[in-house]
Amino acid sequence: MGKRTTQSKKKGDSRPNPLKANNINDLQTELERIDESSKKHPASQLKNKEKRRELVLMRNQTKKKLKSKLRRQRQKRKEETGEEEVVKVKTIENQREKDDTYVDQADEELQEEKQHDEYTPYFNKEYDPQILLTTSIKHTGAIFRFMRELKETIPNSFFYYRKKVPLKELVEMAKEKGFTDIMVVYERLRKPYRIILTHLPEGPTIEFKVTNVIYHDEIEECAKNTGFAPELIFKNFDTKLGFRLSRILNSLFPHTPQIEGRQVATFHNQRDYIFFRHHRFIFSDEFDKVRLQEIGPRFCLRLLSIQKGTFDNQFGEYEWYYKNKMGVKRRKFYL
């Protein structure tokens, strides 16, 4: 009585003690096995509080001992061979959940979509983009600072003072004037908050959330914008939704970049946040070195929805929209 009993191994379980492993690969495999087991059989499934606590302590202690032993083995190998092992760092990006919508540029379905979506005439160079920039009906003077820098960044863009014109009337007016896209910037607490982008004449309509805006004059040693059409870089738009969004953003800029301007605009997707940066190449006198000088502005976009057709907040049909539960899984991304 009073003696603590230990749980015997299950019949047929011949798994060796993970702490007895001496090979670096075996130790690494055991660490990955424990992580995988924690995902498949989390401690939260146990109703008994004491058993849940024991399981968490056991896993954490085993992982700590494995990591210590792995670190000693790597140090020993380094002393013997003089070569340091390259350790792959785990990040949320490289542990991303597998997505069935990943696309390959050579995929037949993707190539067919390129030929039949709303932006095919643009990529066939049938027209030059003409962007109408405007604000929400209720706005303050603070929004014009962002509108001015947006107009300088996107060539062939024109600002229209909206007054009290409804958005549906604005769409019809823009069609008559020959515009290809309308960009409406909404304001909150005297800062840019939302962007609604409508492609004319038949959509789609895209809504973004805007955060972390840093203006041209707030950037240290910034370059002056000279109005040249920039080269475009799209990074990490790997899924079908990401590919569609990259085509939408690409269609805002002229087909052919003006190389003499040495400007480059980057849309970098990281964890479904799209970071925009605008730079200029600076070459040395001998043209053997190059560096980047930022022009600005900087801001971050978060895709909220893609709606079929032009703007319709009552009866519009959505291709995709962001739900609150989408942000629960840290390793699940959509772009």
C-alpha atoms as a PDB file:
ATOM      1  CA  MET A   1       0.000   0.000   0.000  1.00  0.00           C
ATOM      2  CA  GLY A   2       1.163   3.545  -0.734  1.00  0.00           C
ATOM      3  CA  LYS A   3       3.775   2.382  -3.236  1.00  0.00           C
ATOM      4  CA  ARG A   4       3.741   4.115  -6.592  1.00  0.00           C
ATOM      5  CA  THR A   5       3.174   1.672  -9.435  1.00  0.00           C
ATOM      6  CA  THR A   6       4.570   2.169 -12.911  1.00  0.00           C
ATOM      7  CA  GLN A   7       2.530   1.489 -16.014  1.00  0.00           C
ATOM      8  CA  SER A   8       3.801  -1.557 -17.922  1.00  0.00           C
ATOM      9  CA  LYS A   9       4.487  -1.416 -21.637  1.00  0.00           C
ATOM     10  CA  LYS A  10       1.758  -2.498 -23.987  1.00  0.00           C
ATOM     11  CA  LYS A  11       2.036  -5.972 -25.389  1.00  0.00           C
ATOM     12  CA  GLY A  12       3.898  -5.931 -28.698  1.00  0.00           C
ATOM     13  CA  ASP A  13       5.366  -2.426 -28.133  1.00  0.00           C
ATOM     14  CA  SER A  14       9.069  -2.913 -28.843  1.00  0.00           C
ATOM     15  CA  ARG A  15       9.927   0.761 -29.293  1.00  0.00           C
ATOM     16  CA  PRO A  16      13.325   1.475 -27.682  1.00  0.00           C
ATOM     17  CA  ASN A  17      13.842   4.250 -25.189  1.00  0.00           C
ATOM     18  CA  PRO A  18      14.311   7.458 -27.290  1.00  0.00           C
ATOM     19  CA  LEU A  19      16.925   8.766 -24.823  1.00  0.00           C
ATOM     20  CA  LYS A  20      19.227   5.799 -25.622  1.00  0.00           C
ATOM     21  CA  ALA A  21      19.648   6.922 -29.237  1.00  0.00           C
ATOM     22  CA  ASN A  22      23.123   8.242 -30.076  1.00  0.00           C
ATOM     23  CA  ASN A  23      22.809   8.989 -33.772  1.00  0.00           C
ATOM     24  CA  ILE A  24      21.978  12.596 -34.675  1.00  0.00           C
ATOM     25  CA  ASN A  25      19.385  11.514 -37.243  1.00  0.00           C
ATOM     26  CA  ASP A  26      17.712   9.183 -34.714  1.00  0.00           C
ATOM     27  CA  LEU A  27      17.530  11.955 -32.126  1.00  0.00           C
ATOM     28  CA  GLN A  28      16.049  14.349 -34.672  1.00  0.00           C
ATOM     29  CA  THR A  29      13.499  11.710 -35.723  1.00  0.00           C
ATOM     30  CA  GLU A  30      12.428  11.192 -32.095  1.00  0.00           C
ATOM     31  CA  LEU A  31      11.915  14.930 -31.633  1.00  0.00           C
ATOM     32  CA  GLU A  32       9.742  15.074 -34.739  1.00  0.00           C
ATOM     33  CA  ARG A  33       7.805  11.999 -33.561  1.00  0.00           C
ATOM     34  CA  ILE A  34       7.000  13.658 -30.235  1.00  0.00           C
ATOM     35  CA  ASP A  35       5.833  16.829 -31.997  1.00  0.00           C
ATOM     36  CA  GLU A  36       3.639  14.785 -34.340  1.00  0.00           C
ATOM     37  CA  SER A  37       2.221  12.818 -31.424  1.00  0.00           C
ATOM     38  CA  SER A  38       1.384  16.072 -29.612  1.00  0.00           C
ATOM     39  CA  LYS A  39      -0.578  17.226 -32.668  1.00  0.00           C
ATOM     40  CA  LYS A  40      -2.481  13.971 -33.193  1.00  0.00           C
ATOM     41  CA  HIS A  41      -3.104  13.235 -29.500  1.00  0.00           C
ATOM     42  CA  PRO A  42      -3.064  16.550 -27.617  1.00  0.00           C
ATOM     43  CA  ALA A  43      -3.167  16.508 -23.832  1.00  0.00           C
ATOM     44  CA  SER A  44      -6.380  18.534 -23.904  1.00  0.00           C
ATOM     45  CA  GLN A  45      -8.233  15.363 -24.921  1.00  0.00           C
ATOM     46  CA  LEU A  46      -7.695  13.890 -21.450  1.00  0.00           C
ATOM     47  CA  LYS A  47     -10.459  14.780 -19.028  1.00  0.00           C
ATOM     48  CA  ASN A  48      -8.475  13.824 -15.928  1.00  0.00           C
ATOM     49  CA  LYS A  49      -6.516  16.878 -14.818  1.00  0.00           C
ATOM     50  CA  GLU A  50      -3.690  14.872 -13.172  1.00  0.00           C
ATOM     51  CA  LYS A  51      -3.169  12.614 -16.187  1.00  0.00           C
ATOM     52  CA  ARG A  52      -3.178  15.648 -18.485  1.00  0.00           C
ATOM     53  CA  ARG A  53      -0.538  17.325 -16.345  1.00  0.00           C
ATOM     54  CA  GLU A  54       1.627  14.177 -16.226  1.00  0.00           C
ATOM     55  CA  LEU A  55       1.462  13.757 -20.004  1.00  0.00           C
ATOM     56  CA  VAL A  56       2.516  17.360 -20.651  1.00  0.00           C
ATOM     57  CA  LEU A  57       5.401  17.123 -18.140  1.00  0.00           C
ATOM     58  CA  MET A  58       6.587  13.811 -19.596  1.00  0.00           C
ATOM     59  CA  ARG A  59       6.622  15.147 -23.168  1.00  0.00           C
ATOM     60  CA  ASN A  60       8.359  18.390 -22.202  1.00  0.00           C
ATOM     61  CA  GLN A  61      11.039  16.615 -20.142  1.00  0.00           C
ATOM     62  CA  THR A  62      11.713  14.091 -22.903  1.00  0.00           C
ATOM     63  CA  LYS A  63      12.015  16.849 -25.516  1.00  0.00           C
ATOM     64  CA  LYS A  64      14.370  18.838 -23.268  1.00  0.00           C
ATOM     65  CA  LYS A  65      16.663  15.839 -22.741  1.00  0.00           C
ATOM     66  CA  LEU A  66      16.620  14.963 -26.447  1.00  0.00           C
ATOM     67  CA  LYS A  67      17.538  18.526 -27.424  1.00  0.00           C
ATOM     68  CA  SER A  68      20.410  18.568 -24.916  1.00  0.00           C
ATOM     69  CA  LYS A  69      21.746  15.258 -26.196  1.00  0.00           C
ATOM     70  CA  LEU A  70      21.355  16.383 -29.809  1.00  0.00           C
ATOM     71  CA  ARG A  71      23.268  19.578 -29.057  1.00  0.00           C
ATOM     72  CA  ARG A  72      26.118  17.591 -27.451  1.00  0.00           C
ATOM     73  CA  GLN A  73      26.289  15.196 -30.421  1.00  0.00           C
ATOM     74  CA  ARG A  74      26.506  18.086 -32.870  1.00  0.00           C
ATOM     75  CA  GLN A  75      29.237  19.733 -30.829  1.00  0.00           C
ATOM     76  CA  LYS A  76      31.148  16.442 -30.742  1.00  0.00           C
ATOM     77  CA  ARG A  77      30.865  16.025 -34.523  1.00  0.00           C
ATOM     78  CA  LYS A  78      32.049  19.602 -35.034  1.00  0.00           C
ATOM     79  CA  GLU A  79      35.163  18.966 -32.906  1.00  0.00           C
ATOM     80  CA  GLU A  80      35.949  15.728 -34.775  1.00  0.00           C
ATOM     81  CA  THR A  81      35.351  16.905 -38.355  1.00  0.00           C
ATOM     82  CA  GLY A  82      35.734  20.673 -38.017  1.00  0.00           C
ATOM     83  CA  GLU A  83      32.498  21.160 -39.983  1.00  0.00           C
ATOM     84  CA  GLU A  84      29.396  22.668 -38.475  1.00  0.00           C
ATOM     85  CA  GLU A  85      26.109  21.020 -39.396  1.00  0.00           C
ATOM     86  CA  VAL A  86      23.537  23.208 -41.107  1.00  0.00           C
ATOM     87  CA  VAL A  87      20.413  23.097 -38.959  1.00  0.00           C
ATOM     88  CA  LYS A  88      17.076  23.736 -40.667  1.00  0.00           C
ATOM     89  CA  VAL A  89      15.213  26.299 -38.596  1.00  0.00           C
ATOM     90  CA  LYS A  90      11.534  25.605 -38.103  1.00  0.00           C
ATOM     91  CA  THR A  91       9.277  28.493 -39.004  1.00  0.00           C
ATOM     92  CA  ILE A  92       5.540  28.838 -39.396  1.00  0.00           C
ATOM     93  CA  GLU A  93       6.051  29.164 -43.166  1.00  0.00           C
ATOM     94  CA  ASN A  94       7.961  25.897 -43.684  1.00  0.00           C
ATOM     95  CA  GLN A  95       5.545  24.065 -41.358  1.00  0.00           C
ATOM     96  CA  ARG A  96       2.570  25.295 -43.337  1.00  0.00           C
ATOM     97  CA  GLU A  97      -0.307  22.851 -43.752  1.00  0.00           C
ATOM     98  CA  LYS A  98      -0.531  21.187 -47.153  1.00  0.00           C
ATOM     99  CA  ASP A  99      -3.004  22.925 -49.432  1.00  0.00           C
ATOM    100  CA  ASP A 100      -4.780  21.240 -52.333  1.00  0.00           C
ATOM    101  CA  THR A 101      -5.010  24.569 -54.184  1.00  0.00           C
ATOM    102  CA  TYR A 102      -1.245  24.878 -54.727  1.00  0.00           C
ATOM    103  CA  VAL A 103      -0.633  25.621 -58.397  1.00  0.00           C
ATOM    104  CA  ASP A 104       2.107  24.883 -60.885  1.00  0.00           C
ATOM    105  CA  GLN A 105       2.742  27.441 -63.618  1.00  0.00           C
ATOM    106  CA  ALA A 106       2.727  24.618 -66.180  1.00  0.00           C
ATOM    107  CA  ASP A 107      -0.647  23.273 -65.033  1.00  0.00           C
ATOM    108  CA  GLU A 108      -3.151  22.944 -67.894  1.00  0.00           C
ATOM    109  CA  GLU A 109      -6.083  24.196 -65.830  1.00  0.00           C
ATOM    110  CA  LEU A 110      -4.084  27.260 -64.828  1.00  0.00           C
ATOM    111  CA  GLN A 111      -3.112  27.988 -68.423  1.00  0.00           C
ATOM    112  CA  GLU A 112      -6.758  27.722 -69.466  1.00  0.00           C
ATOM    113  CA  GLU A 113      -7.802  30.136 -66.728  1.00  0.00           C
ATOM    114  CA  LYS A 114      -5.231  32.646 -67.993  1.00  0.00           C
ATOM    115  CA  GLN A 115      -7.000  32.650 -71.339  1.00  0.00           C
ATOM    116  CA  HIS A 116     -10.545  33.142 -70.044  1.00  0.00           C
ATOM    117  CA  ASP A 117     -10.582  35.318 -66.931  1.00  0.00           C
ATOM    118  CA  GLU A 118     -11.472  39.038 -66.721  1.00  0.00           C
ATOM    119  CA  TYR A 119      -7.818  40.116 -67.012  1.00  0.00           C
ATOM    120  CA  THR A 120      -6.956  38.229 -70.199  1.00  0.00           C
ATOM    121  CA  PRO A 121      -7.404  41.370 -72.399  1.00  0.00           C
ATOM    122  CA  TYR A 122      -4.912  43.246 -70.204  1.00  0.00           C
ATOM    123  CA  PHE A 123      -2.261  40.507 -70.464  1.00  0.00           C
ATOM    124  CA  ASN A 124      -2.906  40.329 -74.217  1.00  0.00           C
ATOM    125  CA  LYS A 125      -2.084  44.075 -74.278  1.00  0.00           C
ATOM    126  CA  GLU A 126      -5.475  45.000 -75.697  1.00  0.00           C
ATOM    127  CA  TYR A 127      -5.716  48.091 -73.459  1.00  0.00           C
ATOM    128  CA  ASP A 128      -3.646  50.226 -71.110  1.00  0.00           C
ATOM    129  CA  PRO A 129      -4.846  50.446 -67.494  1.00  0.00           C
ATOM    130  CA  GLN A 130      -6.517  53.697 -66.443  1.00  0.00           C
ATOM    131  CA  ILE A 131      -7.163  53.871 -62.675  1.00  0.00           C
ATOM    132  CA  LEU A 132      -9.691  56.174 -61.021  1.00  0.00           C
ATOM    133  CA  LEU A 133      -8.682  56.974 -57.437  1.00  0.00           C
ATOM    134  CA  THR A 134     -11.217  58.364 -54.994  1.00  0.00           C
ATOM    135  CA  THR A 135     -12.150  58.460 -51.310  1.00  0.00           C
ATOM    136  CA  SER A 136     -15.179  57.523 -49.246  1.00  0.00           C
ATOM    137  CA  ILE A 137     -17.996  60.080 -48.960  1.00  0.00           C
ATOM    138  CA  LYS A 138     -17.102  60.858 -45.342  1.00  0.00           C
ATOM    139  CA  HIS A 139     -13.407  61.648 -45.058  1.00  0.00           C
ATOM    140  CA  THR A 140     -10.962  64.128 -43.569  1.00  0.00           C
ATOM    141  CA  GLY A 141      -8.055  65.995 -45.099  1.00  0.00           C
ATOM    142  CA  ALA A 142      -5.616  63.410 -43.697  1.00  0.00           C
ATOM    143  CA  ILE A 143      -6.556  60.885 -46.377  1.00  0.00           C
ATOM    144  CA  PHE A 144      -5.236  63.061 -49.215  1.00  0.00           C
ATOM    145  CA  ARG A 145      -1.656  62.402 -48.148  1.00  0.00           C
ATOM    146  CA  PHE A 146      -2.108  58.695 -48.844  1.00  0.00           C
ATOM    147  CA  MET A 147      -4.022  59.387 -52.075  1.00  0.00           C
ATOM    148  CA  ARG A 148      -1.225  61.607 -53.381  1.00  0.00           C
ATOM    149  CA  GLU A 149       1.466  58.971 -52.775  1.00  0.00           C
ATOM    150  CA  LEU A 150      -0.749  56.255 -54.250  1.00  0.00           C
ATOM    151  CA  LYS A 151      -1.225  58.365 -57.374  1.00  0.00           C
ATOM    152  CA  GLU A 152       2.545  58.864 -57.703  1.00  0.00           C
ATOM    153  CA  THR A 153       3.180  55.136 -57.289  1.00  0.00           C
ATOM    154  CA  ILE A 154       0.612  53.847 -59.814  1.00  0.00           C
ATOM    155  CA  PRO A 155       1.132  55.319 -63.311  1.00  0.00           C
ATOM    156  CA  ASN A 156      -1.967  56.260 -65.344  1.00  0.00           C
ATOM    157  CA  SER A 157      -3.987  56.903 -62.179  1.00  0.00           C
ATOM    158  CA  PHE A 158      -6.265  59.929 -61.773  1.00  0.00           C
ATOM    159  CA  PHE A 159      -7.783  61.348 -58.605  1.00  0.00           C
ATOM    160  CA  TYR A 160     -11.483  62.252 -58.512  1.00  0.00           C
ATOM    161  CA  TYR A 161     -13.004  64.256 -55.677  1.00  0.00           C
ATOM    162  CA  ARG A 162     -16.010  62.128 -54.862  1.00  0.00           C
ATOM    163  CA  LYS A 163     -18.313  64.557 -53.009  1.00  0.00           C
ATOM    164  CA  LYS A 164     -21.564  62.608 -52.369  1.00  0.00           C
ATOM    165  CA  VAL A 165     -21.695  60.443 -55.489  1.00  0.00           C
ATOM    166  CA  PRO A 166     -22.899  56.868 -54.696  1.00  0.00           C
ATOM    167  CA  LEU A 167     -20.495  54.136 -55.659  1.00  0.00           C
ATOM    168  CA  LYS A 168     -22.834  52.581 -58.239  1.00  0.00           C
ATOM    169  CA  GLU A 169     -23.171  55.939 -60.029  1.00  0.00           C
ATOM    170  CA  LEU A 170     -19.408  56.339 -59.855  1.00  0.00           C
ATOM    171  CA  VAL A 171     -18.972  52.958 -61.567  1.00  0.00           C
ATOM    172  CA  GLU A 172     -21.249  53.985 -64.441  1.00  0.00           C
ATOM    173  CA  MET A 173     -19.494  57.335 -64.801  1.00  0.00           C
ATOM    174  CA  ALA A 174     -16.068  55.633 -64.872  1.00  0.00           C
ATOM    175  CA  LYS A 175     -17.250  53.258 -67.616  1.00  0.00           C
ATOM    176  CA  GLU A 176     -18.303  56.208 -69.769  1.00  0.00           C
ATOM    177  CA  LYS A 177     -14.943  57.916 -69.231  1.00  0.00           C
ATOM    178  CA  GLY A 178     -12.999  54.790 -70.276  1.00  0.00           C
ATOM    179  CA  PHE A 179     -11.457  53.849 -66.927  1.00  0.00           C
ATOM    180  CA  THR A 180     -10.466  50.222 -66.404  1.00  0.00           C
ATOM    181  CA  ASP A 181     -10.445  50.163 -62.587  1.00  0.00           C
ATOM    182  CA  ILE A 182     -11.788  52.142 -59.630  1.00  0.00           C
ATOM    183  CA  MET A 183      -9.887  52.260 -56.337  1.00  0.00           C
ATOM    184  CA  VAL A 184     -11.816  53.622 -53.339  1.00  0.00           C
ATOM    185  CA  VAL A 185      -9.874  54.297 -50.120  1.00  0.00           C
ATOM    186  CA  TYR A 186     -11.794  54.370 -46.842  1.00  0.00           C
ATOM    187  CA  GLU A 187     -10.609  56.149 -43.729  1.00  0.00           C
ATOM    188  CA  ARG A 188     -10.781  55.385 -40.017  1.00  0.00           C
ATOM    189  CA  LEU A 189      -9.308  57.524 -37.215  1.00  0.00           C
ATOM    190  CA  ARG A 190      -7.648  59.731 -39.863  1.00  0.00           C
ATOM    191  CA  LYS A 191      -5.754  56.767 -41.341  1.00  0.00           C
ATOM    192  CA  PRO A 192      -6.327  54.585 -44.445  1.00  0.00           C
ATOM    193  CA  TYR A 193      -8.399  51.601 -43.370  1.00  0.00           C
ATOM    194  CA  ARG A 194      -9.952  49.805 -46.361  1.00  0.00           C
ATOM    195  CA  ILE A 195      -9.449  49.691 -50.121  1.00  0.00           C
ATOM    196  CA  ILE A 196     -12.144  48.560 -52.538  1.00  0.00           C
ATOM    197  CA  LEU A 197     -10.854  47.809 -56.042  1.00  0.00           C
ATOM    198  CA  THR A 198     -13.397  47.305 -58.826  1.00  0.00           C
ATOM    199  CA  HIS A 199     -12.419  46.143 -62.302  1.00  0.00           C
ATOM    200  CA  LEU A 200     -14.490  47.570 -65.145  1.00  0.00           C
ATOM    201  CA  PRO A 201     -16.747  46.918 -66.913  1.00  0.00           C
ATOM    202  CA  GLU A 202     -17.865  43.628 -65.319  1.00  0.00           C
ATOM    203  CA  GLY A 203     -15.796  43.137 -62.166  1.00  0.00           C
ATOM    204  CA  PRO A 204     -14.562  41.513 -60.035  1.00  0.00           C
ATOM    205  CA  THR A 205     -14.519  43.647 -56.871  1.00  0.00           C
ATOM    206  CA  ILE A 206     -11.766  43.103 -54.302  1.00  0.00           C
ATOM    207  CA  GLU A 207     -11.695  44.430 -50.758  1.00  0.00           C
ATOM    208  CA  PHE A 208      -8.492  44.834 -48.715  1.00  0.00           C
ATOM    209  CA  LYS A 209      -7.730  45.921 -45.195  1.00  0.00           C
ATOM    210  CA  VAL A 210      -4.850  48.448 -45.048  1.00  0.00           C
ATOM    211  CA  THR A 211      -2.432  48.649 -42.101  1.00  0.00           C
ATOM    212  CA  ASN A 212       1.039  49.929 -41.172  1.00  0.00           C
ATOM    213  CA  VAL A 213       1.158  52.836 -43.613  1.00  0.00           C
ATOM    214  CA  ILE A 214       4.525  54.657 -43.668  1.00  0.00           C
ATOM    215  CA  TYR A 215       4.749  57.656 -45.974  1.00  0.00           C
ATOM    216  CA  HIS A 216       7.557  58.785 -48.269  1.00  0.00           C
ATOM    217  CA  ASP A 217       8.898  61.549 -46.007  1.00  0.00           C
ATOM    218  CA  GLU A 218       8.926  59.231 -42.964  1.00  0.00           C
ATOM    219  CA  ILE A 219      11.469  56.887 -44.584  1.00  0.00           C
ATOM    220  CA  GLU A 220      15.123  57.599 -43.855  1.00  0.00           C
ATOM    221  CA  GLU A 221      17.222  58.550 -46.912  1.00  0.00           C
ATOM    222  CA  CYS A 222      14.294  57.982 -49.250  1.00  0.00           C
ATOM    223  CA  ALA A 223      14.444  58.589 -52.990  1.00  0.00           C
ATOM    224  CA  LYS A 224      12.120  60.887 -54.920  1.00  0.00           C
ATOM    225  CA  ASN A 225       9.483  59.293 -57.123  1.00  0.00           C
ATOM    226  CA  THR A 226      10.101  60.178 -60.784  1.00  0.00           C
ATOM    227  CA  GLY A 227       6.872  58.675 -62.157  1.00  0.00           C
ATOM    228  CA  PHE A 228       8.401  55.854 -64.224  1.00  0.00           C
ATOM    229  CA  ALA A 229       6.492  52.604 -64.617  1.00  0.00           C
ATOM    230  CA  PRO A 230       8.173  50.126 -62.231  1.00  0.00           C
ATOM    231  CA  GLU A 231       9.133  46.516 -62.661  1.00  0.00           C
ATOM    232  CA  LEU A 232       6.889  44.209 -60.609  1.00  0.00           C
ATOM    233  CA  ILE A 233       7.880  41.404 -58.236  1.00  0.00           C
ATOM    234  CA  PHE A 234       5.304  39.006 -56.772  1.00  0.00           C
ATOM    235  CA  LYS A 235       6.550  36.704 -54.029  1.00  0.00           C
ATOM    236  CA  ASN A 236       4.825  33.665 -52.426  1.00  0.00           C
ATOM    237  CA  PHE A 237       1.505  33.785 -54.297  1.00  0.00           C
ATOM    238  CA  ASP A 238       1.478  29.994 -54.533  1.00  0.00           C
ATOM    239  CA  THR A 239      -2.168  28.913 -54.394  1.00  0.00           C
ATOM    240  CA  LYS A 240      -4.932  29.296 -56.953  1.00  0.00           C
ATOM    241  CA  LEU A 241      -6.355  32.218 -54.957  1.00  0.00           C
ATOM    242  CA  GLY A 242      -2.901  33.778 -54.685  1.00  0.00           C
ATOM    243  CA  PHE A 243      -2.338  33.436 -58.429  1.00  0.00           C
ATOM    244  CA  ARG A 244      -5.648  35.183 -59.143  1.00  0.00           C
ATOM    245  CA  LEU A 245      -4.811  37.981 -56.732  1.00  0.00           C
ATOM    246  CA  SER A 246      -1.386  38.492 -58.319  1.00  0.00           C
ATOM    247  CA  ARG A 247      -3.044  38.947 -61.730  1.00  0.00           C
ATOM    248  CA  ILE A 248      -5.465  41.490 -60.232  1.00  0.00           C
ATOM    249  CA  LEU A 249      -2.643  43.567 -58.713  1.00  0.00           C
ATOM    250  CA  ASN A 250      -0.498  43.232 -61.845  1.00  0.00           C
ATOM    251  CA  SER A 251      -3.284  44.719 -63.994  1.00  0.00           C
ATOM    252  CA  LEU A 252      -3.019  48.070 -62.155  1.00  0.00           C
ATOM    253  CA  PHE A 253       0.381  48.831 -63.715  1.00  0.00           C
ATOM    254  CA  PRO A 254       1.459  49.363 -67.350  1.00  0.00           C
ATOM    255  CA  HIS A 255       2.424  46.284 -69.361  1.00  0.00           C
ATOM    256  CA  THR A 256       6.007  47.317 -70.061  1.00  0.00           C
ATOM    257  CA  PRO A 257       8.175  48.712 -67.237  1.00  0.00           C
ATOM    258  CA  GLN A 258      10.354  51.721 -68.015  1.00  0.00           C
ATOM    259  CA  ILE A 259      13.800  50.307 -67.340  1.00  0.00           C
ATOM    260  CA  GLU A 260      15.465  53.735 -67.446  1.00  0.00           C
ATOM    261  CA  GLY A 261      13.592  54.645 -64.256  1.00  0.00           C
ATOM    262  CA  ARG A 262      15.311  51.777 -62.358  1.00  0.00           C
ATOM    263  CA  GLN A 263      12.241  51.358 -60.156  1.00  0.00           C
ATOM    264  CA  VAL A 264      10.798  48.126 -58.762  1.00  0.00           C
ATOM    265  CA  ALA A 265       7.535  47.546 -56.873  1.00  0.00           C
ATOM    266  CA  THR A 266       7.297  44.431 -54.694  1.00  0.00           C
ATOM    267  CA  PHE A 267       4.221  42.592 -53.439  1.00  0.00           C
ATOM    268  CA  HIS A 268       5.492  40.091 -50.876  1.00  0.00           C
ATOM    269  CA  ASN A 269       2.997  37.652 -49.364  1.00  0.00           C
ATOM    270  CA  GLN A 270       3.850  36.358 -45.906  1.00  0.00           C
ATOM    271  CA  ARG A 271       1.238  34.460 -43.891  1.00  0.00           C
ATOM    272  CA  ASP A 272      -1.536  35.994 -46.042  1.00  0.00           C
ATOM    273  CA  TYR A 273      -0.325  39.548 -45.347  1.00  0.00           C
ATOM    274  CA  ILE A 274       0.764  41.356 -48.518  1.00  0.00           C
ATOM    275  CA  PHE A 275       3.637  43.786 -47.907  1.00  0.00           C
ATOM    276  CA  PHE A 276       4.121  46.515 -50.515  1.00  0.00           C
ATOM    277  CA  ARG A 277       7.545  48.121 -51.039  1.00  0.00           C
ATOM    278  CA  HIS A 278       8.761  50.539 -53.701  1.00  0.00           C
ATOM    279  CA  HIS A 279      12.515  50.891 -54.437  1.00  0.00           C
ATOM    280  CA  ARG A 280      15.014  52.258 -56.939  1.00  0.00           C
ATOM    281  CA  PHE A 281      18.253  50.604 -58.078  1.00  0.00           C
ATOM    282  CA  ILE A 282      21.412  52.632 -57.372  1.00  0.00           C
ATOM    283  CA  PHE A 283      24.501  51.538 -59.324  1.00  0.00           C
ATOM    284  CA  SER A 284      28.111  52.329 -58.471  1.00  0.00           C
ATOM    285  CA  ASP A 285      30.291  54.376 -60.859  1.00  0.00           C
ATOM    286  CA  GLU A 286      31.921  51.191 -62.179  1.00  0.00           C
ATOM    287  CA  PHE A 287      28.546  49.384 -62.446  1.00  0.00           C
ATOM    288  CA  ASP A 288      29.954  46.449 -60.458  1.00  0.00           C
ATOM    289  CA  LYS A 289      27.784  46.992 -57.356  1.00  0.00           C
ATOM    290  CA  VAL A 290      24.140  47.800 -56.848  1.00  0.00           C
ATOM    291  CA  ARG A 291      21.995  48.736 -53.876  1.00  0.00           C
ATOM    292  CA  LEU A 292      18.365  49.622 -53.242  1.00  0.00           C
ATOM    293  CA  GLN A 293      17.047  53.004 -52.181  1.00  0.00           C
ATOM    294  CA  GLU A 294      13.462  53.025 -50.939  1.00  0.00           C
ATOM    295  CA  ILE A 295      10.959  55.418 -52.480  1.00  0.00           C
ATOM    296  CA  GLY A 296       7.842  54.602 -50.476  1.00  0.00           C
ATOM    297  CA  PRO A 297       5.174  54.430 -49.369  1.00  0.00           C
ATOM    298  CA  ARG A 298       5.094  51.238 -47.331  1.00  0.00           C
ATOM    299  CA  PHE A 299       1.879  49.518 -46.361  1.00  0.00           C
ATOM    300  CA  CYS A 300       0.380  46.099 -45.703  1.00  0.00           C
ATOM    301  CA  LEU A 301      -2.743  44.603 -47.321  1.00  0.00           C
ATOM    302  CA  ARG A 302      -4.992  41.820 -46.037  1.00  0.00           C
ATOM    303  CA  LEU A 303      -7.450  40.278 -48.513  1.00  0.00           C
ATOM    304  CA  LEU A 304     -11.013  40.382 -47.159  1.00  0.00           C
ATOM    305  CA  SER A 305     -13.132  39.349 -50.140  1.00  0.00           C
ATOM    306  CA  ILE A 306     -13.387  38.823 -53.889  1.00  0.00           C
ATOM    307  CA  GLN A 307     -16.848  39.557 -55.265  1.00  0.00           C
ATOM    308  CA  LYS A 308     -18.144  38.717 -58.720  1.00  0.00           C
ATOM    309  CA  GLY A 309     -19.226  41.705 -60.776  1.00  0.00           C
ATOM    310  CA  THR A 310     -19.014  45.344 -59.739  1.00  0.00           C
ATOM    311  CA  PHE A 311     -19.679  46.570 -56.221  1.00  0.00           C
ATOM    312  CA  ASP A 312     -22.942  45.281 -54.697  1.00  0.00           C
ATOM    313  CA  ASN A 313     -23.064  44.961 -50.898  1.00  0.00           C
ATOM    314  CA  GLN A 314     -26.633  43.589 -50.848  1.00  0.00           C
ATOM    315  CA  PHE A 315     -26.947  40.988 -53.598  1.00  0.00           C
ATOM    316  CA  GLY A 316     -23.329  40.433 -54.625  1.00  0.00           C
ATOM    317  CA  GLU A 317     -22.030  36.890 -55.128  1.00  0.00           C
ATOM    318  CA  TYR A 318     -18.661  36.206 -53.509  1.00  0.00           C
ATOM    319  CA  GLU A 319     -15.883  34.041 -54.924  1.00  0.00           C
ATOM    320  CA  TRP A 320     -14.025  34.161 -51.592  1.00  0.00           C
ATOM    321  CA  TYR A 321     -14.295  36.076 -48.346  1.00  0.00           C
ATOM    322  CA  TYR A 322     -12.437  36.057 -45.052  1.00  0.00           C
ATOM    323  CA  LYS A 323     -14.153  34.425 -42.074  1.00  0.00           C
ATOM    324  CA  ASN A 324     -13.219  34.967 -38.449  1.00  0.00           C
ATOM    325  CA  LYS A 325     -12.437  31.271 -37.929  1.00  0.00           C
ATOM    326  CA  MET A 326      -9.846  31.359 -40.717  1.00  0.00           C
ATOM    327  CA  GLY A 327      -7.310  32.954 -38.381  1.00  0.00           C
ATOM    328  CA  VAL A 328      -7.538  30.197 -35.726  1.00  0.00           C
ATOM    329  CA  LYS A 329      -5.004  27.786 -37.264  1.00  0.00           C
ATOM    330  CA  ARG A 330      -1.564  29.427 -37.246  1.00  0.00           C
ATOM    331  CA  ARG A 331      -0.188  27.155 -39.979  1.00  0.00           C
ATOM    332  CA  LYS A 332      -3.119  27.405 -42.386  1.00  0.00           C
ATOM    333  CA  PHE A 333      -2.742  30.004 -45.151  1.00  0.00           C
ATOM    334  CA  TYR A 334      -4.785  30.740 -48.266  1.00  0.00           C
ATOM    335  CA  LEU A 335      -2.508  32.745 -50.587  1.00  0.00           C
END
